[in-house]
Amino acid sequence: LVLKALTHKQLAQMYGVSWLTFQKWIKKVEQEVGRKTGHFYHIHQVKKIFQLFGLPKQLIISTDDIETIFKN
């Protein structure tokens, strides 16, 4: 898994929810994640989103990748 900046829409698709549903989720944790810059959440924000919401089911990743994401 290569973490990269992702849009709100991309993240919503990864979690299998609508853009509006994801927007409601993210508003609840915005203080922890931070606001996106332009259209993108930066890598550290994407990592935090994965930590808070769990890994999207649509990802295929290795155990090493999981450890890297949840290591803090």
N, C-alpha and C. Protein backbone atom coordinates (compact mmCIF):
# COMPACT_ATOMS: atom_id res chain seq x y z
N LEU A 1 0.85 -1.18 0.00
CA LEU A 1 0.00 0.00 0.00
C LEU A 1 0.89 1.23 0.00
N VAL A 2 0.66 2.10 -0.92
CA VAL A 2 1.35 3.37 -0.96
C VAL A 2 0.35 4.43 -0.54
N LEU A 3 0.59 5.03 0.61
CA LEU A 3 -0.30 6.09 1.06
C LEU A 3 -0.06 7.32 0.20
N LYS A 4 -1.13 7.97 -0.17
CA LYS A 4 -1.03 9.19 -0.96
C LYS A 4 -2.18 10.11 -0.59
N ALA A 5 -2.09 11.33 -1.02
CA ALA A 5 -3.17 12.28 -0.79
C ALA A 5 -4.41 11.78 -1.52
N LEU A 6 -5.56 11.87 -0.85
CA LEU A 6 -6.81 11.38 -1.44
C LEU A 6 -7.89 12.44 -1.29
N THR A 7 -8.82 12.41 -2.22
CA THR A 7 -9.96 13.33 -2.14
C THR A 7 -11.04 12.74 -1.25
N HIS A 8 -11.94 13.59 -0.87
CA HIS A 8 -13.11 13.20 -0.09
C HIS A 8 -13.88 12.11 -0.84
N LYS A 9 -14.06 12.31 -2.11
CA LYS A 9 -14.81 11.36 -2.95
C LYS A 9 -14.10 10.00 -3.02
N GLN A 10 -12.78 10.01 -3.16
CA GLN A 10 -12.02 8.77 -3.22
C GLN A 10 -12.15 8.00 -1.91
N LEU A 11 -12.05 8.70 -0.80
CA LEU A 11 -12.17 8.06 0.50
C LEU A 11 -13.57 7.48 0.70
N ALA A 12 -14.59 8.23 0.31
CA ALA A 12 -15.96 7.74 0.42
C ALA A 12 -16.14 6.45 -0.39
N GLN A 13 -15.59 6.41 -1.59
CA GLN A 13 -15.68 5.22 -2.43
C GLN A 13 -14.96 4.04 -1.79
N MET A 14 -13.82 4.30 -1.18
CA MET A 14 -13.05 3.23 -0.53
C MET A 14 -13.84 2.62 0.63
N TYR A 15 -14.59 3.45 1.34
CA TYR A 15 -15.39 2.98 2.46
C TYR A 15 -16.77 2.48 2.03
N GLY A 16 -17.08 2.63 0.76
CA GLY A 16 -18.35 2.12 0.23
C GLY A 16 -19.56 2.91 0.70
N VAL A 17 -19.37 4.21 0.91
CA VAL A 17 -20.47 5.07 1.33
C VAL A 17 -20.57 6.27 0.38
N SER A 18 -21.67 6.98 0.50
CA SER A 18 -21.85 8.16 -0.35
C SER A 18 -20.95 9.29 0.15
N TRP A 19 -20.75 10.25 -0.72
CA TRP A 19 -19.97 11.44 -0.38
C TRP A 19 -20.56 12.13 0.84
N LEU A 20 -21.89 12.22 0.87
CA LEU A 20 -22.58 12.90 1.96
C LEU A 20 -22.39 12.16 3.29
N THR A 21 -22.48 10.85 3.27
CA THR A 21 -22.27 10.06 4.49
C THR A 21 -20.85 10.24 4.99
N PHE A 22 -19.87 10.18 4.10
CA PHE A 22 -18.49 10.36 4.52
C PHE A 22 -18.27 11.76 5.09
N GLN A 23 -18.93 12.74 4.51
CA GLN A 23 -18.82 14.11 5.01
C GLN A 23 -19.31 14.19 6.45
N LYS A 24 -20.40 13.49 6.76
CA LYS A 24 -20.93 13.48 8.14
C LYS A 24 -19.94 12.81 9.08
N TRP A 25 -19.33 11.71 8.62
CA TRP A 25 -18.34 11.01 9.46
C TRP A 25 -17.16 11.92 9.76
N ILE A 26 -16.65 12.57 8.72
CA ILE A 26 -15.42 13.34 8.86
C ILE A 26 -15.64 14.58 9.72
N LYS A 27 -16.84 15.14 9.68
CA LYS A 27 -17.12 16.33 10.50
C LYS A 27 -16.98 16.00 11.99
N LYS A 28 -17.30 14.76 12.37
CA LYS A 28 -17.23 14.36 13.77
C LYS A 28 -15.79 14.26 14.27
N VAL A 29 -14.85 14.07 13.36
CA VAL A 29 -13.44 13.90 13.76
C VAL A 29 -12.53 14.95 13.13
N GLU A 30 -13.11 16.02 12.65
CA GLU A 30 -12.33 17.05 11.95
C GLU A 30 -11.22 17.64 12.81
N GLN A 31 -11.45 17.75 14.11
CA GLN A 31 -10.41 18.31 14.98
C GLN A 31 -9.18 17.41 15.01
N GLU A 32 -9.39 16.10 14.96
CA GLU A 32 -8.28 15.15 14.99
C GLU A 32 -7.59 15.03 13.63
N VAL A 33 -8.40 15.04 12.57
CA VAL A 33 -7.87 14.84 11.21
C VAL A 33 -7.33 16.14 10.63
N GLY A 34 -8.01 17.22 10.89
CA GLY A 34 -7.65 18.51 10.30
C GLY A 34 -8.43 18.72 9.01
N ARG A 35 -8.44 19.96 8.57
CA ARG A 35 -9.17 20.29 7.34
C ARG A 35 -8.32 19.92 6.13
N LYS A 36 -9.00 19.52 5.08
CA LYS A 36 -8.27 19.18 3.86
C LYS A 36 -7.73 20.46 3.22
N THR A 37 -6.69 20.29 2.44
CA THR A 37 -6.09 21.40 1.71
C THR A 37 -6.58 21.30 0.28
N GLY A 38 -7.34 22.29 -0.15
CA GLY A 38 -7.93 22.21 -1.48
C GLY A 38 -8.90 21.05 -1.52
N HIS A 39 -8.67 20.12 -2.44
CA HIS A 39 -9.54 18.96 -2.57
C HIS A 39 -8.98 17.72 -1.90
N PHE A 40 -7.81 17.81 -1.30
CA PHE A 40 -7.11 16.62 -0.83
C PHE A 40 -6.87 16.59 0.67
N TYR A 41 -6.94 15.37 1.20
CA TYR A 41 -6.42 15.08 2.54
C TYR A 41 -5.00 14.58 2.32
N HIS A 42 -4.04 15.15 3.03
CA HIS A 42 -2.65 14.76 2.87
C HIS A 42 -2.40 13.39 3.50
N ILE A 43 -1.24 12.85 3.24
CA ILE A 43 -0.90 11.49 3.68
C ILE A 43 -1.11 11.30 5.18
N HIS A 44 -0.63 12.23 6.00
CA HIS A 44 -0.79 12.07 7.45
C HIS A 44 -2.26 12.11 7.85
N GLN A 45 -3.08 12.85 7.11
CA GLN A 45 -4.51 12.89 7.39
C GLN A 45 -5.18 11.58 6.97
N VAL A 46 -4.78 11.04 5.83
CA VAL A 46 -5.32 9.76 5.36
C VAL A 46 -4.98 8.67 6.37
N LYS A 47 -3.77 8.69 6.87
CA LYS A 47 -3.35 7.71 7.88
C LYS A 47 -4.24 7.83 9.12
N LYS A 48 -4.49 9.05 9.56
CA LYS A 48 -5.34 9.27 10.74
C LYS A 48 -6.77 8.80 10.48
N ILE A 49 -7.28 9.05 9.29
CA ILE A 49 -8.64 8.59 8.92
C ILE A 49 -8.70 7.07 9.00
N PHE A 50 -7.67 6.39 8.48
CA PHE A 50 -7.63 4.93 8.54
C PHE A 50 -7.57 4.45 9.99
N GLN A 51 -6.86 5.17 10.84
CA GLN A 51 -6.78 4.80 12.26
C GLN A 51 -8.14 4.97 12.94
N LEU A 52 -8.83 6.05 12.62
CA LEU A 52 -10.10 6.34 13.28
C LEU A 52 -11.25 5.47 12.78
N PHE A 53 -11.32 5.27 11.48
CA PHE A 53 -12.45 4.55 10.89
C PHE A 53 -12.14 3.09 10.56
N GLY A 54 -10.89 2.70 10.71
CA GLY A 54 -10.49 1.37 10.31
C GLY A 54 -10.12 1.38 8.83
N LEU A 55 -9.48 0.32 8.40
CA LEU A 55 -9.08 0.24 7.00
C LEU A 55 -10.30 -0.04 6.13
N PRO A 56 -10.39 0.63 5.00
CA PRO A 56 -11.51 0.36 4.09
C PRO A 56 -11.46 -1.09 3.63
N LYS A 57 -12.60 -1.70 3.47
CA LYS A 57 -12.67 -3.10 3.05
C LYS A 57 -12.17 -3.30 1.63
N GLN A 58 -12.12 -2.26 0.86
CA GLN A 58 -11.73 -2.36 -0.54
C GLN A 58 -10.22 -2.31 -0.74
N LEU A 59 -9.46 -2.37 0.35
CA LEU A 59 -8.01 -2.36 0.25
C LEU A 59 -7.45 -3.77 0.38
N ILE A 60 -6.44 -4.08 -0.39
CA ILE A 60 -5.70 -5.32 -0.24
C ILE A 60 -4.30 -4.92 0.14
N ILE A 61 -3.93 -5.19 1.40
CA ILE A 61 -2.63 -4.76 1.88
C ILE A 61 -1.97 -5.86 2.70
N SER A 62 -0.68 -5.71 2.92
CA SER A 62 0.06 -6.70 3.68
C SER A 62 0.02 -6.37 5.17
N THR A 63 0.42 -7.33 5.98
CA THR A 63 0.50 -7.13 7.42
C THR A 63 1.47 -6.02 7.77
N ASP A 64 2.58 -5.94 7.07
CA ASP A 64 3.56 -4.88 7.31
C ASP A 64 2.94 -3.50 7.08
N ASP A 65 2.12 -3.39 6.04
CA ASP A 65 1.46 -2.11 5.76
C ASP A 65 0.51 -1.74 6.89
N ILE A 66 -0.22 -2.71 7.42
CA ILE A 66 -1.15 -2.45 8.52
C ILE A 66 -0.39 -1.96 9.74
N GLU A 67 0.72 -2.61 10.05
CA GLU A 67 1.53 -2.20 11.20
C GLU A 67 2.05 -0.77 11.01
N THR A 68 2.45 -0.42 9.80
CA THR A 68 2.95 0.92 9.53
C THR A 68 1.85 1.96 9.72
N ILE A 69 0.65 1.66 9.27
CA ILE A 69 -0.46 2.60 9.37
C ILE A 69 -0.84 2.85 10.83
N PHE A 70 -0.87 1.79 11.63
CA PHE A 70 -1.34 1.92 13.00
C PHE A 70 -0.23 2.17 14.02
N LYS A 71 1.00 2.28 13.54
CA LYS A 71 2.12 2.56 14.42
C LYS A 71 2.18 4.06 14.68
N ASN A 72 2.21 4.43 15.91
CA ASN A 72 2.30 5.87 16.25
C ASN A 72 3.14 6.06 17.45
